[in-house]
Amino acid sequence: VQVAWVDGVVTDREHQAVEELAASRGVEAGSPPGQQLRRWLETRPPEALFDVALEAIHAGLAVLPPSERDESVRRAIEACRHVAMASGGFLALFGFPGQISRREEALIHRICAALRSSARSW
């Protein structure tokens, strides 16, 4: 959700990508979590929500064995990239589909660094 909002608006393709990723992880569209996700895609959540979510993910990763933690981080970053590429980023406006904007790339890098630090800070 945070990656989808980083450029200030969630495109239809980003919205669809987030919902598909959620469904692949067991979030049903009409369920309470699915409804909350839809609201977050329609109205940008406060930055504090993203901060708390990242802290919660960080804490969960910290208790995993290294191989599971690495795989979970890899999958999370892959999901972030999938959302960023869904609408091609800002560069798609100029005919370069599949590009990730600088804002998206910077956010993904920050998320990756935070998640990878799980092993060192707990």
C-alpha atoms as a PDB file:
ATOM      1  CA  VAL A   1       0.000   0.000   0.000  1.00  0.00           C
ATOM      2  CA  GLN A   2       2.797   2.403   0.831  1.00  0.00           C
ATOM      3  CA  VAL A   3       4.532   1.787  -2.494  1.00  0.00           C
ATOM      4  CA  ALA A   4       1.237   2.301  -4.333  1.00  0.00           C
ATOM      5  CA  TRP A   5       0.789   5.700  -2.640  1.00  0.00           C
ATOM      6  CA  VAL A   6       4.380   6.951  -2.924  1.00  0.00           C
ATOM      7  CA  ASP A   7       3.701   8.995  -6.080  1.00  0.00           C
ATOM      8  CA  GLY A   8       0.599  10.565  -4.516  1.00  0.00           C
ATOM      9  CA  VAL A   9      -2.080   8.523  -6.257  1.00  0.00           C
ATOM     10  CA  VAL A  10      -2.915   4.825  -6.557  1.00  0.00           C
ATOM     11  CA  THR A  11      -3.456   3.857 -10.180  1.00  0.00           C
ATOM     12  CA  ASP A  12      -5.987   1.215 -11.161  1.00  0.00           C
ATOM     13  CA  ARG A  13      -3.173  -1.189 -12.017  1.00  0.00           C
ATOM     14  CA  GLU A  14      -1.421  -0.594  -8.686  1.00  0.00           C
ATOM     15  CA  HIS A  15      -4.745  -1.120  -6.900  1.00  0.00           C
ATOM     16  CA  GLN A  16      -5.229  -4.389  -8.761  1.00  0.00           C
ATOM     17  CA  ALA A  17      -1.632  -5.499  -8.066  1.00  0.00           C
ATOM     18  CA  VAL A  18      -2.014  -4.886  -4.322  1.00  0.00           C
ATOM     19  CA  GLU A  19      -5.310  -6.754  -4.179  1.00  0.00           C
ATOM     20  CA  GLU A  20      -3.861  -9.680  -6.158  1.00  0.00           C
ATOM     21  CA  LEU A  21      -0.870  -9.878  -3.822  1.00  0.00           C
ATOM     22  CA  ALA A  22      -3.174  -9.779  -0.803  1.00  0.00           C
ATOM     23  CA  ALA A  23      -5.374 -12.520  -2.276  1.00  0.00           C
ATOM     24  CA  SER A  24      -2.306 -14.688  -2.911  1.00  0.00           C
ATOM     25  CA  ARG A  25      -1.556 -14.343   0.797  1.00  0.00           C
ATOM     26  CA  GLY A  26      -5.070 -15.341   1.897  1.00  0.00           C
ATOM     27  CA  VAL A  27      -6.826 -11.956   2.169  1.00  0.00           C
ATOM     28  CA  GLU A  28     -10.327 -12.361   0.736  1.00  0.00           C
ATOM     29  CA  ALA A  29     -11.821  -9.316  -0.984  1.00  0.00           C
ATOM     30  CA  GLY A  30     -15.031  -9.131   1.092  1.00  0.00           C
ATOM     31  CA  SER A  31     -13.443 -10.047   4.417  1.00  0.00           C
ATOM     32  CA  PRO A  32     -12.758  -7.392   7.074  1.00  0.00           C
ATOM     33  CA  PRO A  33      -9.025  -7.322   6.172  1.00  0.00           C
ATOM     34  CA  GLY A  34      -9.932  -7.105   2.477  1.00  0.00           C
ATOM     35  CA  GLN A  35     -12.329  -4.239   3.139  1.00  0.00           C
ATOM     36  CA  GLN A  36      -9.689  -2.404   5.180  1.00  0.00           C
ATOM     37  CA  LEU A  37      -7.171  -2.874   2.397  1.00  0.00           C
ATOM     38  CA  ARG A  38      -9.637  -1.402  -0.098  1.00  0.00           C
ATOM     39  CA  ARG A  39     -10.147   1.643   2.156  1.00  0.00           C
ATOM     40  CA  TRP A  40      -6.350   2.137   2.378  1.00  0.00           C
ATOM     41  CA  LEU A  41      -6.145   2.007  -1.407  1.00  0.00           C
ATOM     42  CA  GLU A  42      -8.923   4.582  -1.750  1.00  0.00           C
ATOM     43  CA  THR A  43      -7.741   6.974   0.980  1.00  0.00           C
ATOM     44  CA  ARG A  44      -4.060   7.246   1.862  1.00  0.00           C
ATOM     45  CA  PRO A  45      -3.371   6.050   5.400  1.00  0.00           C
ATOM     46  CA  PRO A  46      -1.341   8.285   7.712  1.00  0.00           C
ATOM     47  CA  GLU A  47       2.440   7.866   7.582  1.00  0.00           C
ATOM     48  CA  ALA A  48       2.335   6.574  11.165  1.00  0.00           C
ATOM     49  CA  LEU A  49       0.444   3.478   9.967  1.00  0.00           C
ATOM     50  CA  PHE A  50       3.234   2.641   7.535  1.00  0.00           C
ATOM     51  CA  ASP A  51       5.832   3.160  10.282  1.00  0.00           C
ATOM     52  CA  VAL A  52       3.997   0.878  12.724  1.00  0.00           C
ATOM     53  CA  ALA A  53       3.447  -1.766  10.044  1.00  0.00           C
ATOM     54  CA  LEU A  54       7.143  -1.797   9.187  1.00  0.00           C
ATOM     55  CA  GLU A  55       8.028  -2.117  12.888  1.00  0.00           C
ATOM     56  CA  ALA A  56       5.603  -5.043  13.257  1.00  0.00           C
ATOM     57  CA  ILE A  57       7.025  -6.799  10.203  1.00  0.00           C
ATOM     58  CA  HIS A  58      10.540  -6.123  11.486  1.00  0.00           C
ATOM     59  CA  ALA A  59       9.699  -7.703  14.842  1.00  0.00           C
ATOM     60  CA  GLY A  60       8.129 -10.745  13.193  1.00  0.00           C
ATOM     61  CA  LEU A  61      11.140 -11.272  10.965  1.00  0.00           C
ATOM     62  CA  ALA A  62      13.560 -11.009  13.863  1.00  0.00           C
ATOM     63  CA  VAL A  63      12.337 -14.260  15.398  1.00  0.00           C
ATOM     64  CA  LEU A  64      12.636 -16.320  12.224  1.00  0.00           C
ATOM     65  CA  PRO A  65      15.615 -18.515  11.408  1.00  0.00           C
ATOM     66  CA  PRO A  66      17.985 -16.714   9.009  1.00  0.00           C
ATOM     67  CA  SER A  67      16.966 -18.668   5.902  1.00  0.00           C
ATOM     68  CA  GLU A  68      13.240 -18.068   6.499  1.00  0.00           C
ATOM     69  CA  ARG A  69      13.876 -14.414   7.319  1.00  0.00           C
ATOM     70  CA  ASP A  70      15.871 -13.921   4.120  1.00  0.00           C
ATOM     71  CA  GLU A  71      13.163 -15.573   2.039  1.00  0.00           C
ATOM     72  CA  SER A  72      10.443 -13.472   3.688  1.00  0.00           C
ATOM     73  CA  VAL A  73      12.384 -10.266   3.031  1.00  0.00           C
ATOM     74  CA  ARG A  74      12.983 -11.307  -0.571  1.00  0.00           C
ATOM     75  CA  ARG A  75       9.268 -11.964  -1.095  1.00  0.00           C
ATOM     76  CA  ALA A  76       8.290  -8.659   0.521  1.00  0.00           C
ATOM     77  CA  ILE A  77      10.683  -6.672  -1.659  1.00  0.00           C
ATOM     78  CA  GLU A  78       9.539  -8.612  -4.726  1.00  0.00           C
ATOM     79  CA  ALA A  79       5.943  -7.646  -3.864  1.00  0.00           C
ATOM     80  CA  CYS A  80       6.945  -3.978  -3.485  1.00  0.00           C
ATOM     81  CA  ARG A  81       8.615  -4.057  -6.913  1.00  0.00           C
ATOM     82  CA  HIS A  82       5.570  -5.755  -8.430  1.00  0.00           C
ATOM     83  CA  VAL A  83       3.323  -2.919  -7.223  1.00  0.00           C
ATOM     84  CA  ALA A  84       5.806  -0.259  -8.344  1.00  0.00           C
ATOM     85  CA  MET A  85       5.989  -1.744 -11.823  1.00  0.00           C
ATOM     86  CA  ALA A  86       2.226  -2.250 -12.137  1.00  0.00           C
ATOM     87  CA  SER A  87       1.614   1.134 -13.692  1.00  0.00           C
ATOM     88  CA  GLY A  88       5.115   1.642 -15.006  1.00  0.00           C
ATOM     89  CA  GLY A  89       5.849   4.499 -12.631  1.00  0.00           C
ATOM     90  CA  PHE A  90       6.184   8.093 -13.774  1.00  0.00           C
ATOM     91  CA  LEU A  91       8.314   7.114 -16.764  1.00  0.00           C
ATOM     92  CA  ALA A  92       5.386   5.245 -18.321  1.00  0.00           C
ATOM     93  CA  LEU A  93       3.963   8.644 -19.233  1.00  0.00           C
ATOM     94  CA  PHE A  94       6.900   9.006 -21.626  1.00  0.00           C
ATOM     95  CA  GLY A  95       6.635   5.576 -23.203  1.00  0.00           C
ATOM     96  CA  PHE A  96       8.882   3.563 -20.879  1.00  0.00           C
ATOM     97  CA  PRO A  97       6.509   0.970 -19.364  1.00  0.00           C
ATOM     98  CA  GLY A  98       7.741  -1.194 -16.526  1.00  0.00           C
ATOM     99  CA  GLN A  99       9.999   1.464 -15.069  1.00  0.00           C
ATOM    100  CA  ILE A 100      10.069   2.278 -11.373  1.00  0.00           C
ATOM    101  CA  SER A 101      10.072   5.936 -10.378  1.00  0.00           C
ATOM    102  CA  ARG A 102      12.837   7.360  -8.213  1.00  0.00           C
ATOM    103  CA  ARG A 103      10.396   7.780  -5.331  1.00  0.00           C
ATOM    104  CA  GLU A 104       9.308   4.165  -5.620  1.00  0.00           C
ATOM    105  CA  GLU A 105      12.901   2.959  -5.834  1.00  0.00           C
ATOM    106  CA  ALA A 106      13.926   5.055  -2.820  1.00  0.00           C
ATOM    107  CA  LEU A 107      11.008   3.749  -0.766  1.00  0.00           C
ATOM    108  CA  ILE A 108      11.711   0.141  -1.724  1.00  0.00           C
ATOM    109  CA  HIS A 109      15.359   0.628  -0.783  1.00  0.00           C
ATOM    110  CA  ARG A 110      14.332   2.078   2.609  1.00  0.00           C
ATOM    111  CA  ILE A 111      11.909  -0.800   3.255  1.00  0.00           C
ATOM    112  CA  CYS A 112      14.548  -3.341   2.240  1.00  0.00           C
ATOM    113  CA  ALA A 113      17.135  -1.797   4.572  1.00  0.00           C
ATOM    114  CA  ALA A 114      14.672  -1.775   7.463  1.00  0.00           C
ATOM    115  CA  LEU A 115      13.670  -5.400   6.927  1.00  0.00           C
ATOM    116  CA  ARG A 116      17.212  -6.640   6.447  1.00  0.00           C
ATOM    117  CA  SER A 117      18.232  -5.017   9.722  1.00  0.00           C
ATOM    118  CA  SER A 118      15.917  -7.419  11.596  1.00  0.00           C
ATOM    119  CA  ALA A 119      18.701  -9.875  12.342  1.00  0.00           C
ATOM    120  CA  ARG A 120      21.018  -7.261  13.789  1.00  0.00           C
ATOM    121  CA  SER A 121      18.708  -5.253  16.013  1.00  0.00           C
ATOM    122  CA  TRP A 122      16.920  -7.920  18.077  1.00  0.00           C
END
